[in-house]
Structures are given as C-alpha cells and as structure tokens.
All heavy atoms as atom14 arrays in JSON, in Angstrom:
{
  "sequence": "LCASQSTRTLSAYVFAASGWGESTTDLAWDGQATIHELGQKLAEGER",
  "atom14_mask": [
    [1, 1, 1, 1, 1, 1, 1, 1, 0, 0, 0, 0, 0, 0],
    [1, 1, 1, 1, 1, 1, 0, 0, 0, 0, 0, 0, 0, 0],
    [1, 1, 1, 1, 1, 0, 0, 0, 0, 0, 0, 0, 0, 0],
    [1, 1, 1, 1, 1, 1, 0, 0, 0, 0, 0, 0, 0, 0],
    [1, 1, 1, 1, 1, 1, 1, 1, 1, 0, 0, 0, 0, 0],
    [1, 1, 1, 1, 1, 1, 0, 0, 0, 0, 0, 0, 0, 0],
    [1, 1, 1, 1, 1, 1, 1, 0, 0, 0, 0, 0, 0, 0],
    [1, 1, 1, 1, 1, 1, 1, 1, 1, 1, 1, 0, 0, 0],
    [1, 1, 1, 1, 1, 1, 1, 0, 0, 0, 0, 0, 0, 0],
    [1, 1, 1, 1, 1, 1, 1, 1, 0, 0, 0, 0, 0, 0],
    [1, 1, 1, 1, 1, 1, 0, 0, 0, 0, 0, 0, 0, 0],
    [1, 1, 1, 1, 1, 0, 0, 0, 0, 0, 0, 0, 0, 0],
    [1, 1, 1, 1, 1, 1, 1, 1, 1, 1, 1, 1, 0, 0],
    [1, 1, 1, 1, 1, 1, 1, 0, 0, 0, 0, 0, 0, 0],
    [1, 1, 1, 1, 1, 1, 1, 1, 1, 1, 1, 0, 0, 0],
    [1, 1, 1, 1, 1, 0, 0, 0, 0, 0, 0, 0, 0, 0],
    [1, 1, 1, 1, 1, 0, 0, 0, 0, 0, 0, 0, 0, 0],
    [1, 1, 1, 1, 1, 1, 0, 0, 0, 0, 0, 0, 0, 0],
    [1, 1, 1, 1, 0, 0, 0, 0, 0, 0, 0, 0, 0, 0],
    [1, 1, 1, 1, 1, 1, 1, 1, 1, 1, 1, 1, 1, 1],
    [1, 1, 1, 1, 0, 0, 0, 0, 0, 0, 0, 0, 0, 0],
    [1, 1, 1, 1, 1, 1, 1, 1, 1, 0, 0, 0, 0, 0],
    [1, 1, 1, 1, 1, 1, 0, 0, 0, 0, 0, 0, 0, 0],
    [1, 1, 1, 1, 1, 1, 1, 0, 0, 0, 0, 0, 0, 0],
    [1, 1, 1, 1, 1, 1, 1, 0, 0, 0, 0, 0, 0, 0],
    [1, 1, 1, 1, 1, 1, 1, 1, 0, 0, 0, 0, 0, 0],
    [1, 1, 1, 1, 1, 1, 1, 1, 0, 0, 0, 0, 0, 0],
    [1, 1, 1, 1, 1, 0, 0, 0, 0, 0, 0, 0, 0, 0],
    [1, 1, 1, 1, 1, 1, 1, 1, 1, 1, 1, 1, 1, 1],
    [1, 1, 1, 1, 1, 1, 1, 1, 0, 0, 0, 0, 0, 0],
    [1, 1, 1, 1, 0, 0, 0, 0, 0, 0, 0, 0, 0, 0],
    [1, 1, 1, 1, 1, 1, 1, 1, 1, 0, 0, 0, 0, 0],
    [1, 1, 1, 1, 1, 0, 0, 0, 0, 0, 0, 0, 0, 0],
    [1, 1, 1, 1, 1, 1, 1, 0, 0, 0, 0, 0, 0, 0],
    [1, 1, 1, 1, 1, 1, 1, 1, 0, 0, 0, 0, 0, 0],
    [1, 1, 1, 1, 1, 1, 1, 1, 1, 1, 0, 0, 0, 0],
    [1, 1, 1, 1, 1, 1, 1, 1, 1, 0, 0, 0, 0, 0],
    [1, 1, 1, 1, 1, 1, 1, 1, 0, 0, 0, 0, 0, 0],
    [1, 1, 1, 1, 0, 0, 0, 0, 0, 0, 0, 0, 0, 0],
    [1, 1, 1, 1, 1, 1, 1, 1, 1, 0, 0, 0, 0, 0],
    [1, 1, 1, 1, 1, 1, 1, 1, 1, 0, 0, 0, 0, 0],
    [1, 1, 1, 1, 1, 1, 1, 1, 0, 0, 0, 0, 0, 0],
    [1, 1, 1, 1, 1, 0, 0, 0, 0, 0, 0, 0, 0, 0],
    [1, 1, 1, 1, 1, 1, 1, 1, 1, 0, 0, 0, 0, 0],
    [1, 1, 1, 1, 0, 0, 0, 0, 0, 0, 0, 0, 0, 0],
    [1, 1, 1, 1, 1, 1, 1, 1, 1, 0, 0, 0, 0, 0],
    [1, 1, 1, 1, 1, 1, 1, 1, 1, 1, 1, 0, 0, 0]
  ],
  "atom14_positions": [
    [[0.83, -1.21, 0.0], [0.0, 0.0, 0.0], [0.87, 1.27, 0.0], [0.57, 2.24, -0.7], [-0.93, 0.0, 1.21], [-2.13, -0.95, 1.14], [-2.84, -1.01, 2.48], [-3.11, -0.52, 0.06], [0.0, 0.0, 0.0], [0.0, 0.0, 0.0], [0.0, 0.0, 0.0], [0.0, 0.0, 0.0], [0.0, 0.0, 0.0], [0.0, 0.0, 0.0]],
    [[1.93, 1.25, 0.8], [2.82, 2.42, 0.83], [3.48, 2.65, -0.52], [3.55, 3.79, -1.02], [3.9, 2.23, 1.9], [3.29, 2.21, 3.6], [0.0, 0.0, 0.0], [0.0, 0.0, 0.0], [0.0, 0.0, 0.0], [0.0, 0.0, 0.0], [0.0, 0.0, 0.0], [0.0, 0.0, 0.0], [0.0, 0.0, 0.0], [0.0, 0.0, 0.0]],
    [[3.97, 1.57, -1.11], [4.64, 1.69, -2.41], [3.65, 2.15, -3.48], [3.96, 3.04, -4.28], [5.27, 0.36, -2.8], [0.0, 0.0, 0.0], [0.0, 0.0, 0.0], [0.0, 0.0, 0.0], [0.0, 0.0, 0.0], [0.0, 0.0, 0.0], [0.0, 0.0, 0.0], [0.0, 0.0, 0.0], [0.0, 0.0, 0.0], [0.0, 0.0, 0.0]],
    [[2.46, 1.55, -3.49], [1.5, 1.9, -4.53], [0.97, 3.32, -4.36], [0.75, 4.04, -5.34], [0.33, 0.9, -4.54], [-0.37, 0.93, -3.32], [0.0, 0.0, 0.0], [0.0, 0.0, 0.0], [0.0, 0.0, 0.0], [0.0, 0.0, 0.0], [0.0, 0.0, 0.0], [0.0, 0.0, 0.0], [0.0, 0.0, 0.0], [0.0, 0.0, 0.0]],
    [[0.78, 3.75, -3.09], [0.28, 5.11, -2.89], [1.32, 6.14, -3.29], [1.0, 7.18, -3.87], [-0.14, 5.31, -1.43], [-0.82, 6.63, -1.13], [-2.18, 6.8, -1.8], [-2.56, 6.03, -2.66], [-2.92, 7.82, -1.39], [0.0, 0.0, 0.0], [0.0, 0.0, 0.0], [0.0, 0.0, 0.0], [0.0, 0.0, 0.0], [0.0, 0.0, 0.0]],
    [[2.59, 5.86, -3.02], [3.63, 6.8, -3.44], [3.79, 6.82, -4.95], [4.15, 7.84, -5.54], [4.97, 6.46, -2.77], [5.53, 5.28, -3.29], [0.0, 0.0, 0.0], [0.0, 0.0, 0.0], [0.0, 0.0, 0.0], [0.0, 0.0, 0.0], [0.0, 0.0, 0.0], [0.0, 0.0, 0.0], [0.0, 0.0, 0.0], [0.0, 0.0, 0.0]],
    [[3.5, 5.68, -5.6], [3.55, 5.62, -7.05], [2.37, 6.37, -7.67], [2.53, 7.2, -8.57], [3.53, 4.16, -7.53], [4.65, 3.46, -7.0], [3.57, 4.08, -9.05], [0.0, 0.0, 0.0], [0.0, 0.0, 0.0], [0.0, 0.0, 0.0], [0.0, 0.0, 0.0], [0.0, 0.0, 0.0], [0.0, 0.0, 0.0], [0.0, 0.0, 0.0]],
    [[1.18, 6.08, -7.17], [-0.04, 6.65, -7.76], [-0.11, 8.17, -7.56], [-0.56, 8.91, -8.44], [-1.27, 5.99, -7.12], [-2.59, 6.36, -7.79], [-3.75, 5.69, -7.07], [-3.62, 4.27, -7.02], [-3.99, 3.44, -8.02], [-4.48, 3.95, -9.13], [-3.85, 2.14, -7.89], [0.0, 0.0, 0.0], [0.0, 0.0, 0.0], [0.0, 0.0, 0.0]],
    [[0.35, 8.63, -6.41], [0.25, 10.07, -6.11], [1.54, 10.82, -6.43], [1.62, 12.02, -6.15], [-0.1, 10.28, -4.63], [0.93, 9.7, -3.82], [-1.44, 9.64, -4.28], [0.0, 0.0, 0.0], [0.0, 0.0, 0.0], [0.0, 0.0, 0.0], [0.0, 0.0, 0.0], [0.0, 0.0, 0.0], [0.0, 0.0, 0.0], [0.0, 0.0, 0.0]],
    [[2.54, 10.14, -7.0], [3.83, 10.77, -7.28], [4.31, 11.52, -6.04], [4.44, 12.74, -6.02], [3.72, 11.71, -8.48], [3.27, 11.08, -9.8], [3.26, 12.13, -10.91], [4.15, 9.91, -10.19], [0.0, 0.0, 0.0], [0.0, 0.0, 0.0], [0.0, 0.0, 0.0], [0.0, 0.0, 0.0], [0.0, 0.0, 0.0], [0.0, 0.0, 0.0]],
    [[4.61, 10.76, -5.01], [4.93, 11.36, -3.72], [5.92, 10.48, -2.98], [6.32, 9.42, -3.46], [3.65, 11.5, -2.88], [3.17, 10.2, -2.52], [0.0, 0.0, 0.0], [0.0, 0.0, 0.0], [0.0, 0.0, 0.0], [0.0, 0.0, 0.0], [0.0, 0.0, 0.0], [0.0, 0.0, 0.0], [0.0, 0.0, 0.0], [0.0, 0.0, 0.0]],
    [[6.27, 10.94, -1.78], [6.96, 10.09, -0.8], [5.94, 9.69, 0.26], [5.01, 10.46, 0.56], [8.12, 10.85, -0.16], [0.0, 0.0, 0.0], [0.0, 0.0, 0.0], [0.0, 0.0, 0.0], [0.0, 0.0, 0.0], [0.0, 0.0, 0.0], [0.0, 0.0, 0.0], [0.0, 0.0, 0.0], [0.0, 0.0, 0.0], [0.0, 0.0, 0.0]],
    [[6.12, 8.49, 0.82], [5.16, 8.01, 1.82], [5.94, 7.49, 3.03], [6.75, 6.57, 2.91], [4.29, 6.89, 1.25], [2.98, 6.71, 1.99], [1.84, 7.38, 1.59], [2.9, 5.9, 3.12], [0.63, 7.24, 2.27], [1.72, 5.76, 3.81], [0.58, 6.43, 3.39], [-0.61, 6.3, 4.07], [0.0, 0.0, 0.0], [0.0, 0.0, 0.0]],
    [[5.71, 8.13, 4.18], [6.4, 7.76, 5.42], [5.39, 7.05, 6.32], [4.36, 7.62, 6.68], [6.97, 8.99, 6.14], [7.75, 8.57, 7.38], [7.86, 9.79, 5.19], [0.0, 0.0, 0.0], [0.0, 0.0, 0.0], [0.0, 0.0, 0.0], [0.0, 0.0, 0.0], [0.0, 0.0, 0.0], [0.0, 0.0, 0.0], [0.0, 0.0, 0.0]],
    [[5.7, 5.81, 6.68], [4.77, 4.98, 7.46], [5.43, 4.58, 8.77], [6.55, 4.07, 8.79], [4.41, 3.73, 6.65], [3.47, 2.78, 7.35], [2.1, 2.96, 7.25], [3.95, 1.71, 8.09], [1.21, 2.07, 7.88], [3.09, 0.83, 8.72], [1.71, 1.01, 8.62], [0.0, 0.0, 0.0], [0.0, 0.0, 0.0], [0.0, 0.0, 0.0]],
    [[4.73, 4.84, 9.9], [5.27, 4.5, 11.22], [4.2, 3.77, 12.01], [3.12, 4.32, 12.26], [5.71, 5.76, 11.96], [0.0, 0.0, 0.0], [0.0, 0.0, 0.0], [0.0, 0.0, 0.0], [0.0, 0.0, 0.0], [0.0, 0.0, 0.0], [0.0, 0.0, 0.0], [0.0, 0.0, 0.0], [0.0, 0.0, 0.0], [0.0, 0.0, 0.0]],
    [[4.47, 2.54, 12.42], [3.49, 1.72, 13.14], [3.96, 1.42, 14.56], [5.17, 1.4, 14.85], [3.22, 0.41, 12.4], [0.0, 0.0, 0.0], [0.0, 0.0, 0.0], [0.0, 0.0, 0.0], [0.0, 0.0, 0.0], [0.0, 0.0, 0.0], [0.0, 0.0, 0.0], [0.0, 0.0, 0.0], [0.0, 0.0, 0.0], [0.0, 0.0, 0.0]],
    [[3.01, 1.15, 15.43], [3.3, 0.86, 16.84], [4.1, -0.43, 16.99], [3.93, -1.38, 16.23], [2.0, 0.72, 17.63], [1.26, 1.92, 17.57], [0.0, 0.0, 0.0], [0.0, 0.0, 0.0], [0.0, 0.0, 0.0], [0.0, 0.0, 0.0], [0.0, 0.0, 0.0], [0.0, 0.0, 0.0], [0.0, 0.0, 0.0], [0.0, 0.0, 0.0]],
    [[4.96, -0.44, 18.01], [5.81, -1.61, 18.22], [5.83, -2.09, 19.65], [4.8, -2.1, 20.34], [0.0, 0.0, 0.0], [0.0, 0.0, 0.0], [0.0, 0.0, 0.0], [0.0, 0.0, 0.0], [0.0, 0.0, 0.0], [0.0, 0.0, 0.0], [0.0, 0.0, 0.0], [0.0, 0.0, 0.0], [0.0, 0.0, 0.0], [0.0, 0.0, 0.0]],
    [[7.0, -2.44, 20.11], [7.2, -3.08, 21.41], [6.65, -2.22, 22.55], [6.87, -1.02, 22.59], [8.68, -3.35, 21.64], [9.0, -3.84, 23.02], [9.62, -3.15, 24.0], [8.7, -5.13, 23.55], [9.74, -3.91, 25.13], [9.17, -5.15, 24.89], [8.07, -6.28, 23.05], [9.04, -6.27, 25.72], [7.94, -7.39, 23.87], [8.43, -7.37, 25.19]],
    [[5.97, -2.88, 23.46], [5.43, -2.21, 24.63], [3.93, -2.01, 24.54], [3.26, -1.86, 25.57], [0.0, 0.0, 0.0], [0.0, 0.0, 0.0], [0.0, 0.0, 0.0], [0.0, 0.0, 0.0], [0.0, 0.0, 0.0], [0.0, 0.0, 0.0], [0.0, 0.0, 0.0], [0.0, 0.0, 0.0], [0.0, 0.0, 0.0], [0.0, 0.0, 0.0]],
    [[3.39, -1.98, 23.31], [1.95, -1.85, 23.14], [1.25, -3.07, 23.76], [1.81, -4.17, 23.8], [1.61, -1.75, 21.65], [0.16, -1.45, 21.32], [-0.31, -0.12, 21.85], [-0.06, 0.91, 21.21], [-0.94, -0.12, 22.93], [0.0, 0.0, 0.0], [0.0, 0.0, 0.0], [0.0, 0.0, 0.0], [0.0, 0.0, 0.0], [0.0, 0.0, 0.0]],
    [[0.06, -2.88, 24.3], [-0.66, -3.96, 24.97], [-0.93, -5.12, 24.02], [-1.38, -4.92, 22.89], [-1.99, -3.45, 25.52], [-2.74, -4.51, 26.06], [0.0, 0.0, 0.0], [0.0, 0.0, 0.0], [0.0, 0.0, 0.0], [0.0, 0.0, 0.0], [0.0, 0.0, 0.0], [0.0, 0.0, 0.0], [0.0, 0.0, 0.0], [0.0, 0.0, 0.0]],
    [[-0.66, -6.33, 24.49], [-0.89, -7.52, 23.67], [-2.03, -8.37, 24.25], [-2.0, -9.6, 24.18], [0.39, -8.38, 23.57], [0.84, -8.72, 24.89], [1.49, -7.62, 22.85], [0.0, 0.0, 0.0], [0.0, 0.0, 0.0], [0.0, 0.0, 0.0], [0.0, 0.0, 0.0], [0.0, 0.0, 0.0], [0.0, 0.0, 0.0], [0.0, 0.0, 0.0]],
    [[-3.03, -7.7, 24.83], [-4.17, -8.44, 25.39], [-4.76, -9.39, 24.35], [-4.99, -10.57, 24.62], [-5.25, -7.45, 25.87], [-4.69, -6.6, 26.86], [-6.44, -8.19, 26.45], [0.0, 0.0, 0.0], [0.0, 0.0, 0.0], [0.0, 0.0, 0.0], [0.0, 0.0, 0.0], [0.0, 0.0, 0.0], [0.0, 0.0, 0.0], [0.0, 0.0, 0.0]],
    [[-5.0, -8.87, 23.15], [-5.55, -9.71, 22.09], [-4.81, -9.58, 20.77], [-5.13, -10.29, 19.82], [-7.03, -9.34, 21.85], [-7.93, -9.77, 23.0], [-7.94, -10.97, 23.31], [-8.6, -8.89, 23.57], [0.0, 0.0, 0.0], [0.0, 0.0, 0.0], [0.0, 0.0, 0.0], [0.0, 0.0, 0.0], [0.0, 0.0, 0.0], [0.0, 0.0, 0.0]],
    [[-3.86, -8.65, 20.68], [-3.18, -8.37, 19.42], [-1.67, -8.28, 19.64], [-1.21, -8.2, 20.78], [-3.69, -7.05, 18.82], [-5.19, -6.94, 18.55], [-5.55, -5.51, 18.12], [-5.62, -7.93, 17.49], [0.0, 0.0, 0.0], [0.0, 0.0, 0.0], [0.0, 0.0, 0.0], [0.0, 0.0, 0.0], [0.0, 0.0, 0.0], [0.0, 0.0, 0.0]],
    [[-0.92, -8.27, 18.55], [0.54, -8.11, 18.61], [0.95, -7.03, 17.63], [0.22, -6.69, 16.69], [1.24, -9.42, 18.29], [0.0, 0.0, 0.0], [0.0, 0.0, 0.0], [0.0, 0.0, 0.0], [0.0, 0.0, 0.0], [0.0, 0.0, 0.0], [0.0, 0.0, 0.0], [0.0, 0.0, 0.0], [0.0, 0.0, 0.0], [0.0, 0.0, 0.0]],
    [[2.17, -6.5, 17.83], [2.62, -5.32, 17.08], [4.07, -5.51, 16.64], [4.88, -6.07, 17.38], [2.5, -4.06, 17.95], [1.24, -4.08, 18.77], [1.06, -4.67, 20.0], [-0.04, -3.57, 18.39], [-0.24, -4.53, 20.41], [-0.95, -3.85, 19.45], [-0.5, -2.87, 17.28], [-2.28, -3.48, 19.42], [-1.82, -2.49, 17.24], [-2.7, -2.8, 18.3]],
    [[4.38, -5.05, 15.45], [5.73, -5.31, 14.93], [6.57, -4.05, 14.72], [7.74, -4.13, 14.39], [5.66, -6.08, 13.61], [5.03, -5.29, 12.48], [4.26, -4.35, 12.78], [5.29, -5.6, 11.3], [0.0, 0.0, 0.0], [0.0, 0.0, 0.0], [0.0, 0.0, 0.0], [0.0, 0.0, 0.0], [0.0, 0.0, 0.0], [0.0, 0.0, 0.0]],
    [[5.97, -2.86, 14.87], [6.74, -1.63, 14.71], [7.26, -1.42, 13.3], [8.36, -0.9, 13.12], [0.0, 0.0, 0.0], [0.0, 0.0, 0.0], [0.0, 0.0, 0.0], [0.0, 0.0, 0.0], [0.0, 0.0, 0.0], [0.0, 0.0, 0.0], [0.0, 0.0, 0.0], [0.0, 0.0, 0.0], [0.0, 0.0, 0.0], [0.0, 0.0, 0.0]],
    [[6.49, -1.79, 12.3], [6.93, -1.62, 10.92], [7.1, -0.13, 10.6], [6.26, 0.7, 10.91], [5.91, -2.24, 9.96], [6.35, -2.23, 8.51], [5.41, -3.02, 7.61], [4.32, -3.43, 8.04], [5.81, -3.26, 6.38], [0.0, 0.0, 0.0], [0.0, 0.0, 0.0], [0.0, 0.0, 0.0], [0.0, 0.0, 0.0], [0.0, 0.0, 0.0]],
    [[8.22, 0.2, 9.97], [8.51, 1.58, 9.58], [9.14, 1.55, 8.2], [10.14, 0.86, 7.97], [9.46, 2.24, 10.57], [0.0, 0.0, 0.0], [0.0, 0.0, 0.0], [0.0, 0.0, 0.0], [0.0, 0.0, 0.0], [0.0, 0.0, 0.0], [0.0, 0.0, 0.0], [0.0, 0.0, 0.0], [0.0, 0.0, 0.0], [0.0, 0.0, 0.0]],
    [[8.55, 2.29, 7.27], [9.07, 2.33, 5.9], [8.99, 3.75, 5.35], [8.14, 4.54, 5.77], [8.29, 1.4, 4.96], [6.92, 1.79, 4.95], [8.41, -0.05, 5.38], [0.0, 0.0, 0.0], [0.0, 0.0, 0.0], [0.0, 0.0, 0.0], [0.0, 0.0, 0.0], [0.0, 0.0, 0.0], [0.0, 0.0, 0.0], [0.0, 0.0, 0.0]],
    [[9.87, 4.02, 4.39], [9.83, 5.29, 3.66], [9.95, 4.94, 2.18], [10.92, 4.29, 1.77], [10.96, 6.23, 4.09], [10.87, 6.52, 5.59], [10.89, 7.54, 3.29], [12.05, 7.32, 6.14], [0.0, 0.0, 0.0], [0.0, 0.0, 0.0], [0.0, 0.0, 0.0], [0.0, 0.0, 0.0], [0.0, 0.0, 0.0], [0.0, 0.0, 0.0]],
    [[8.95, 5.33, 1.4], [8.93, 5.09, -0.04], [8.92, 6.41, -0.79], [8.41, 7.41, -0.29], [7.7, 4.27, -0.45], [7.75, 2.83, -0.06], [7.49, 2.4, 1.24], [8.02, 1.71, -0.78], [7.59, 1.08, 1.29], [7.91, 0.64, 0.08], [0.0, 0.0, 0.0], [0.0, 0.0, 0.0], [0.0, 0.0, 0.0], [0.0, 0.0, 0.0]],
    [[9.45, 6.37, -2.0], [9.4, 7.55, -2.88], [9.17, 7.09, -4.3], [9.93, 6.28, -4.84], [10.72, 8.32, -2.8], [10.8, 9.54, -3.73], [12.2, 10.13, -3.72], [12.65, 10.56, -2.64], [12.84, 10.15, -4.79], [0.0, 0.0, 0.0], [0.0, 0.0, 0.0], [0.0, 0.0, 0.0], [0.0, 0.0, 0.0], [0.0, 0.0, 0.0]],
    [[8.08, 7.56, -4.9], [7.73, 7.19, -6.27], [7.79, 5.67, -6.46], [8.27, 5.16, -7.47], [8.65, 7.89, -7.27], [8.62, 9.42, -7.24], [9.66, 9.99, -8.22], [7.25, 9.96, -7.58], [0.0, 0.0, 0.0], [0.0, 0.0, 0.0], [0.0, 0.0, 0.0], [0.0, 0.0, 0.0], [0.0, 0.0, 0.0], [0.0, 0.0, 0.0]],
    [[7.31, 4.95, -5.45], [7.26, 3.5, -5.52], [8.5, 2.79, -5.05], [8.47, 1.56, -4.81], [0.0, 0.0, 0.0], [0.0, 0.0, 0.0], [0.0, 0.0, 0.0], [0.0, 0.0, 0.0], [0.0, 0.0, 0.0], [0.0, 0.0, 0.0], [0.0, 0.0, 0.0], [0.0, 0.0, 0.0], [0.0, 0.0, 0.0], [0.0, 0.0, 0.0]],
    [[9.6, 3.49, -4.88], [10.86, 2.88, -4.48], [11.01, 2.94, -2.96], [10.8, 3.98, -2.35], [12.04, 3.61, -5.12], [13.41, 3.11, -4.68], [14.55, 4.01, -5.13], [14.32, 5.08, -5.69], [15.77, 3.58, -4.89], [0.0, 0.0, 0.0], [0.0, 0.0, 0.0], [0.0, 0.0, 0.0], [0.0, 0.0, 0.0], [0.0, 0.0, 0.0]],
    [[11.38, 1.82, -2.36], [11.6, 1.8, -0.91], [12.97, 2.39, -0.61], [14.0, 1.89, -1.04], [11.52, 0.37, -0.37], [11.67, 0.3, 1.15], [11.32, -1.08, 1.67], [12.28, -2.13, 1.18], [11.97, -3.48, 1.7], [0.0, 0.0, 0.0], [0.0, 0.0, 0.0], [0.0, 0.0, 0.0], [0.0, 0.0, 0.0], [0.0, 0.0, 0.0]],
    [[12.97, 3.49, 0.16], [14.21, 4.15, 0.52], [14.79, 3.61, 1.82], [16.01, 3.57, 2.01], [13.99, 5.66, 0.67], [13.47, 6.43, -0.54], [13.4, 7.92, -0.21], [14.34, 6.19, -1.76], [0.0, 0.0, 0.0], [0.0, 0.0, 0.0], [0.0, 0.0, 0.0], [0.0, 0.0, 0.0], [0.0, 0.0, 0.0], [0.0, 0.0, 0.0]],
    [[13.92, 3.24, 2.75], [14.4, 2.78, 4.06], [13.34, 1.91, 4.7], [12.14, 2.08, 4.47], [14.72, 3.97, 4.96], [0.0, 0.0, 0.0], [0.0, 0.0, 0.0], [0.0, 0.0, 0.0], [0.0, 0.0, 0.0], [0.0, 0.0, 0.0], [0.0, 0.0, 0.0], [0.0, 0.0, 0.0], [0.0, 0.0, 0.0], [0.0, 0.0, 0.0]],
    [[13.8, 0.99, 5.53], [12.9, 0.09, 6.26], [13.51, -0.19, 7.63], [14.7, -0.52, 7.73], [12.72, -1.21, 5.49], [11.77, -2.19, 6.14], [11.54, -3.42, 5.28], [12.39, -3.73, 4.43], [10.49, -4.07, 5.46], [0.0, 0.0, 0.0], [0.0, 0.0, 0.0], [0.0, 0.0, 0.0], [0.0, 0.0, 0.0], [0.0, 0.0, 0.0]],
    [[12.72, -0.02, 8.68], [13.22, -0.25, 10.02], [13.18, -1.72, 10.41], [12.59, -2.56, 9.72], [0.0, 0.0, 0.0], [0.0, 0.0, 0.0], [0.0, 0.0, 0.0], [0.0, 0.0, 0.0], [0.0, 0.0, 0.0], [0.0, 0.0, 0.0], [0.0, 0.0, 0.0], [0.0, 0.0, 0.0], [0.0, 0.0, 0.0], [0.0, 0.0, 0.0]],
    [[13.8, -2.02, 11.53], [13.79, -3.38, 12.06], [12.43, -3.67, 12.69], [11.95, -2.92, 13.54], [14.89, -3.55, 13.12], [14.91, -4.92, 13.76], [15.88, -5.02, 14.93], [16.6, -4.03, 15.17], [15.89, -6.07, 15.62], [0.0, 0.0, 0.0], [0.0, 0.0, 0.0], [0.0, 0.0, 0.0], [0.0, 0.0, 0.0], [0.0, 0.0, 0.0]],
    [[11.82, -4.73, 12.25], [10.54, -5.12, 12.84], [10.77, -5.95, 14.11], [11.77, -6.63, 14.25], [9.72, -5.93, 11.84], [9.29, -5.14, 10.61], [8.66, -6.01, 9.56], [7.49, -6.7, 10.09], [7.13, -7.93, 9.74], [7.86, -8.63, 8.89], [6.04, -8.46, 10.26], [0.0, 0.0, 0.0], [0.0, 0.0, 0.0], [0.0, 0.0, 0.0]]
  ]
}
C-alpha cells in the first residue's frame, strides 16, 4: 500500500506503526517503519 500510494500520487510516503510495549491483550505489534518515494523503498526499520 505504501509503495502503490507513493507511485499513484507521485509522492513520498512515510509509514510508522506501533511496536514493542503496546498492549498484547488480544493483538501483537511489529513496529513496521518504511519510507517510499515514487514507488521505491528508501528505508525500512527493524521489525
């Protein structure tokens, strides 16, 4: 979705998701972080 949105809108897309420490009562979290530009992935954090 990040890659396609940056491609379709001719933009950069910075995505930051919740990670370690978030409550895991019923769900889990991986802390995904990515930066895309015109569909190209520029950076990706450690999940």
